[in-house]
Structure formats: structure tokens, C-alpha cells
Amino acid sequence: MVVGILTVGLYFSQSGSLKGKRRILQSIKMRIKNKFNVAVAEVGEDRDLWQKGTLGIVAVSEDQPFVNAVLDQVTNTILSFPEAEMIHRELRFA
């Protein structure tokens, strides 16, 4: 069994409040959950900052190349959101 753990740091230049940031994050999380069979959550110490956020995404499979491909597609989906700028990406396997 292979577990892929993707951590993505995001910057929201247009966000003026926590409510605005959470609206954008919710939209990103819902699109990822609906399109891919992965778990997504807001993680990290920047949960109370209104211009930064971190998402943790986890995919599980028997095949590491498959997990890597899925998490690459998740990254591309996140990059398609103009409201969020990716400032950090880390992919680990367990």
C-alpha cells in the first residue's frame, strides 16, 4: 500500500477577510473531492491568517506511479484557481 501526502501552501492576494479565504478554500476543496478520490483538509498553523492557507491532500493506492499521477492532477486543478497562488508544494510517500 502506498500513501501519497501532498501539502500545498496557498496565498490569497485578493482576500480581505477570513470569510473570503475560507470561501475560496471551500471551493477548491469541493472541486478536488468531486473530481478525485482523495481526502482534503485545511491544515497548518496559518488557519487564522486571511491571506495564507495550507491544504493537505492524501491519496492511497497499491501503485506509486498512480498516486503520483493523481496528486499531479490535483496540483493542476489547484493551479486553475485564479484566486489562489501556490507558494509551496511538498509531496511525500509513506
N, C-alpha and C. Protein backbone atom coordinates (compact mmCIF):
# COMPACT_ATOMS: atom_id res chain seq x y z
N MET A 1 0.85 -1.18 0.00
CA MET A 1 0.00 0.00 0.00
C MET A 1 0.90 1.24 0.00
N VAL A 2 0.55 2.22 -0.82
CA VAL A 2 1.28 3.47 -0.94
C VAL A 2 0.35 4.61 -0.54
N VAL A 3 0.84 5.48 0.33
CA VAL A 3 0.09 6.67 0.74
C VAL A 3 0.87 7.89 0.25
N GLY A 4 0.23 8.69 -0.59
CA GLY A 4 0.82 9.93 -1.06
C GLY A 4 0.26 11.09 -0.28
N ILE A 5 1.14 11.92 0.25
CA ILE A 5 0.73 13.06 1.06
C ILE A 5 1.22 14.33 0.36
N LEU A 6 0.27 15.13 -0.10
CA LEU A 6 0.59 16.38 -0.79
C LEU A 6 0.22 17.54 0.13
N THR A 7 1.18 18.42 0.37
CA THR A 7 0.94 19.63 1.16
C THR A 7 1.14 20.82 0.23
N VAL A 8 0.13 21.68 0.18
CA VAL A 8 0.15 22.82 -0.73
C VAL A 8 -0.08 24.10 0.06
N GLY A 9 0.87 25.03 -0.03
CA GLY A 9 0.72 26.34 0.59
C GLY A 9 0.15 27.31 -0.43
N LEU A 10 -0.85 28.06 -0.02
CA LEU A 10 -1.53 28.98 -0.94
C LEU A 10 -1.51 30.40 -0.39
N TYR A 11 -1.49 31.35 -1.31
CA TYR A 11 -1.55 32.78 -0.97
C TYR A 11 -2.75 33.38 -1.69
N PHE A 12 -3.55 34.13 -0.95
CA PHE A 12 -4.78 34.72 -1.47
C PHE A 12 -4.63 36.25 -1.46
N SER A 13 -4.15 36.80 -2.57
CA SER A 13 -3.87 38.24 -2.62
C SER A 13 -5.15 39.08 -2.62
N GLN A 14 -6.25 38.54 -3.12
CA GLN A 14 -7.50 39.28 -3.21
C GLN A 14 -8.37 39.15 -1.96
N SER A 15 -8.00 38.27 -1.06
CA SER A 15 -8.81 38.03 0.13
C SER A 15 -8.63 39.15 1.14
N GLY A 16 -9.74 39.64 1.67
CA GLY A 16 -9.69 40.71 2.66
C GLY A 16 -10.16 40.28 4.04
N SER A 17 -10.52 38.99 4.15
CA SER A 17 -11.02 38.51 5.44
C SER A 17 -10.88 36.99 5.51
N LEU A 18 -11.03 36.46 6.71
CA LEU A 18 -11.03 35.00 6.87
C LEU A 18 -12.20 34.37 6.13
N LYS A 19 -13.33 35.06 6.12
CA LYS A 19 -14.52 34.55 5.43
C LYS A 19 -14.24 34.41 3.94
N GLY A 20 -13.57 35.39 3.34
CA GLY A 20 -13.22 35.33 1.93
C GLY A 20 -12.24 34.21 1.63
N LYS A 21 -11.25 34.05 2.50
CA LYS A 21 -10.27 32.97 2.34
C LYS A 21 -10.96 31.61 2.43
N ARG A 22 -11.81 31.44 3.40
CA ARG A 22 -12.47 30.14 3.59
C ARG A 22 -13.43 29.83 2.45
N ARG A 23 -14.02 30.85 1.85
CA ARG A 23 -14.90 30.65 0.69
C ARG A 23 -14.08 30.08 -0.48
N ILE A 24 -12.91 30.65 -0.71
CA ILE A 24 -12.04 30.16 -1.79
C ILE A 24 -11.55 28.75 -1.49
N LEU A 25 -11.10 28.52 -0.26
CA LEU A 25 -10.61 27.18 0.12
C LEU A 25 -11.72 26.14 0.01
N GLN A 26 -12.92 26.49 0.41
CA GLN A 26 -14.04 25.56 0.31
C GLN A 26 -14.31 25.19 -1.14
N SER A 27 -14.24 26.16 -2.02
CA SER A 27 -14.44 25.91 -3.45
C SER A 27 -13.36 24.97 -4.00
N ILE A 28 -12.11 25.21 -3.63
CA ILE A 28 -11.01 24.35 -4.06
C ILE A 28 -11.20 22.94 -3.52
N LYS A 29 -11.50 22.82 -2.23
CA LYS A 29 -11.67 21.51 -1.62
C LYS A 29 -12.81 20.72 -2.25
N MET A 30 -13.93 21.38 -2.52
CA MET A 30 -15.07 20.68 -3.12
C MET A 30 -14.76 20.20 -4.53
N ARG A 31 -14.07 21.03 -5.32
CA ARG A 31 -13.73 20.60 -6.68
C ARG A 31 -12.80 19.39 -6.64
N ILE A 32 -11.82 19.42 -5.74
CA ILE A 32 -10.88 18.30 -5.65
C ILE A 32 -11.60 17.03 -5.19
N LYS A 33 -12.44 17.14 -4.17
CA LYS A 33 -13.17 15.98 -3.66
C LYS A 33 -14.10 15.40 -4.71
N ASN A 34 -14.76 16.25 -5.49
CA ASN A 34 -15.70 15.77 -6.51
C ASN A 34 -15.00 15.16 -7.72
N LYS A 35 -13.80 15.62 -8.02
CA LYS A 35 -13.10 15.17 -9.22
C LYS A 35 -12.18 13.98 -8.97
N PHE A 36 -11.61 13.89 -7.78
CA PHE A 36 -10.64 12.85 -7.46
C PHE A 36 -11.07 12.11 -6.19
N ASN A 37 -10.62 10.90 -6.05
CA ASN A 37 -10.94 10.10 -4.87
C ASN A 37 -9.83 10.28 -3.84
N VAL A 38 -9.78 11.48 -3.23
CA VAL A 38 -8.74 11.82 -2.25
C VAL A 38 -9.39 12.49 -1.04
N ALA A 39 -8.62 12.55 0.04
CA ALA A 39 -9.05 13.28 1.24
C ALA A 39 -8.36 14.64 1.23
N VAL A 40 -9.12 15.69 1.57
CA VAL A 40 -8.59 17.06 1.56
C VAL A 40 -9.00 17.75 2.85
N ALA A 41 -8.05 18.50 3.45
CA ALA A 41 -8.35 19.26 4.66
C ALA A 41 -7.44 20.48 4.73
N GLU A 42 -7.94 21.54 5.37
CA GLU A 42 -7.09 22.68 5.66
C GLU A 42 -6.25 22.32 6.87
N VAL A 43 -4.94 22.45 6.73
CA VAL A 43 -4.00 22.08 7.79
C VAL A 43 -3.02 23.22 8.01
N GLY A 44 -2.16 23.07 8.97
CA GLY A 44 -1.09 24.05 9.18
C GLY A 44 -1.42 25.09 10.22
N GLU A 45 -0.42 25.92 10.48
CA GLU A 45 -0.53 26.94 11.52
C GLU A 45 -1.12 28.25 11.00
N ASP A 46 -1.36 28.33 9.70
CA ASP A 46 -1.86 29.58 9.13
C ASP A 46 -3.37 29.59 8.93
N ARG A 47 -4.08 28.78 9.68
CA ARG A 47 -5.53 28.70 9.52
C ARG A 47 -6.23 29.99 9.90
N ASP A 48 -5.64 30.80 10.77
CA ASP A 48 -6.28 32.05 11.18
C ASP A 48 -5.73 33.27 10.44
N LEU A 49 -4.87 33.05 9.45
CA LEU A 49 -4.38 34.15 8.63
C LEU A 49 -5.28 34.28 7.40
N TRP A 50 -5.65 35.48 7.02
CA TRP A 50 -6.63 35.64 5.94
C TRP A 50 -6.02 35.68 4.55
N GLN A 51 -4.68 35.69 4.43
CA GLN A 51 -4.08 35.67 3.10
C GLN A 51 -3.26 34.42 2.82
N LYS A 52 -3.14 33.52 3.78
CA LYS A 52 -2.38 32.29 3.58
C LYS A 52 -3.19 31.10 4.06
N GLY A 53 -2.97 29.97 3.40
CA GLY A 53 -3.63 28.74 3.79
C GLY A 53 -2.83 27.55 3.32
N THR A 54 -3.02 26.42 3.98
CA THR A 54 -2.33 25.19 3.61
C THR A 54 -3.35 24.08 3.50
N LEU A 55 -3.30 23.35 2.39
CA LEU A 55 -4.17 22.20 2.20
C LEU A 55 -3.33 20.93 2.28
N GLY A 56 -3.88 19.93 2.95
CA GLY A 56 -3.29 18.60 2.98
C GLY A 56 -4.18 17.67 2.16
N ILE A 57 -3.59 16.98 1.20
CA ILE A 57 -4.33 16.07 0.33
C ILE A 57 -3.67 14.70 0.42
N VAL A 58 -4.47 13.65 0.59
CA VAL A 58 -3.94 12.30 0.73
C VAL A 58 -4.62 11.38 -0.28
N ALA A 59 -3.80 10.57 -0.96
CA ALA A 59 -4.29 9.54 -1.88
C ALA A 59 -3.65 8.22 -1.52
N VAL A 60 -4.42 7.14 -1.62
CA VAL A 60 -3.94 5.80 -1.25
C VAL A 60 -4.18 4.85 -2.42
N SER A 61 -3.18 4.02 -2.71
CA SER A 61 -3.30 3.02 -3.77
C SER A 61 -2.22 1.97 -3.57
N GLU A 62 -2.27 0.93 -4.38
CA GLU A 62 -1.22 -0.09 -4.40
C GLU A 62 -0.07 0.32 -5.31
N ASP A 63 -0.27 1.35 -6.14
CA ASP A 63 0.66 1.70 -7.19
C ASP A 63 1.17 3.13 -7.01
N GLN A 64 2.48 3.31 -6.73
CA GLN A 64 3.03 4.64 -6.50
C GLN A 64 2.93 5.55 -7.74
N PRO A 65 3.18 5.08 -8.95
CA PRO A 65 3.01 5.97 -10.10
C PRO A 65 1.57 6.49 -10.25
N PHE A 66 0.59 5.65 -9.90
CA PHE A 66 -0.80 6.09 -9.96
C PHE A 66 -1.06 7.21 -8.95
N VAL A 67 -0.60 7.02 -7.72
CA VAL A 67 -0.77 8.04 -6.68
C VAL A 67 -0.08 9.34 -7.10
N ASN A 68 1.11 9.23 -7.65
CA ASN A 68 1.85 10.41 -8.11
C ASN A 68 1.07 11.14 -9.21
N ALA A 69 0.51 10.39 -10.16
CA ALA A 69 -0.26 10.99 -11.25
C ALA A 69 -1.51 11.69 -10.73
N VAL A 70 -2.21 11.06 -9.81
CA VAL A 70 -3.42 11.68 -9.24
C VAL A 70 -3.08 12.97 -8.53
N LEU A 71 -2.03 12.96 -7.72
CA LEU A 71 -1.67 14.17 -6.97
C LEU A 71 -1.11 15.26 -7.89
N ASP A 72 -0.51 14.89 -9.01
CA ASP A 72 -0.12 15.89 -10.01
C ASP A 72 -1.36 16.54 -10.63
N GLN A 73 -2.39 15.74 -10.90
CA GLN A 73 -3.64 16.28 -11.43
C GLN A 73 -4.33 17.19 -10.42
N VAL A 74 -4.25 16.83 -9.15
CA VAL A 74 -4.79 17.67 -8.09
C VAL A 74 -4.06 19.01 -8.07
N THR A 75 -2.75 18.97 -8.20
CA THR A 75 -1.96 20.21 -8.25
C THR A 75 -2.39 21.09 -9.41
N ASN A 76 -2.58 20.49 -10.59
CA ASN A 76 -3.03 21.26 -11.75
C ASN A 76 -4.41 21.86 -11.54
N THR A 77 -5.28 21.15 -10.85
CA THR A 77 -6.61 21.67 -10.55
C THR A 77 -6.50 22.88 -9.63
N ILE A 78 -5.65 22.80 -8.61
CA ILE A 78 -5.46 23.93 -7.70
C ILE A 78 -4.90 25.13 -8.45
N LEU A 79 -3.97 24.88 -9.37
CA LEU A 79 -3.38 25.97 -10.15
C LEU A 79 -4.39 26.65 -11.06
N SER A 80 -5.50 25.98 -11.35
CA SER A 80 -6.51 26.56 -12.23
C SER A 80 -7.37 27.63 -11.54
N PHE A 81 -7.23 27.77 -10.22
CA PHE A 81 -7.99 28.78 -9.48
C PHE A 81 -7.22 30.10 -9.51
N PRO A 82 -7.77 31.13 -10.16
CA PRO A 82 -7.04 32.40 -10.23
C PRO A 82 -6.97 33.14 -8.90
N GLU A 83 -7.84 32.81 -7.95
CA GLU A 83 -7.86 33.50 -6.66
C GLU A 83 -6.74 33.04 -5.72
N ALA A 84 -6.11 31.90 -6.05
CA ALA A 84 -5.10 31.32 -5.16
C ALA A 84 -3.78 31.15 -5.91
N GLU A 85 -2.71 31.58 -5.27
CA GLU A 85 -1.37 31.42 -5.82
C GLU A 85 -0.64 30.36 -5.00
N MET A 86 -0.10 29.36 -5.67
CA MET A 86 0.62 28.30 -4.97
C MET A 86 2.02 28.81 -4.62
N ILE A 87 2.33 28.79 -3.32
CA ILE A 87 3.64 29.27 -2.87
C ILE A 87 4.52 28.13 -2.34
N HIS A 88 3.93 26.96 -2.17
CA HIS A 88 4.67 25.81 -1.63
C HIS A 88 3.98 24.53 -2.06
N ARG A 89 4.78 23.53 -2.41
CA ARG A 89 4.23 22.20 -2.73
C ARG A 89 5.22 21.16 -2.25
N GLU A 90 4.73 20.21 -1.48
CA GLU A 90 5.57 19.11 -0.99
C GLU A 90 4.82 17.81 -1.16
N LEU A 91 5.46 16.85 -1.78
CA LEU A 91 4.87 15.53 -1.99
C LEU A 91 5.74 14.49 -1.29
N ARG A 92 5.11 13.69 -0.44
CA ARG A 92 5.81 12.63 0.29
C ARG A 92 5.04 11.32 0.11
N PHE A 93 5.74 10.23 0.25
CA PHE A 93 5.12 8.92 0.19
C PHE A 93 5.41 8.15 1.46
N ALA A 94 4.40 7.44 1.94
CA ALA A 94 4.56 6.65 3.15
C ALA A 94 4.15 5.22 2.88
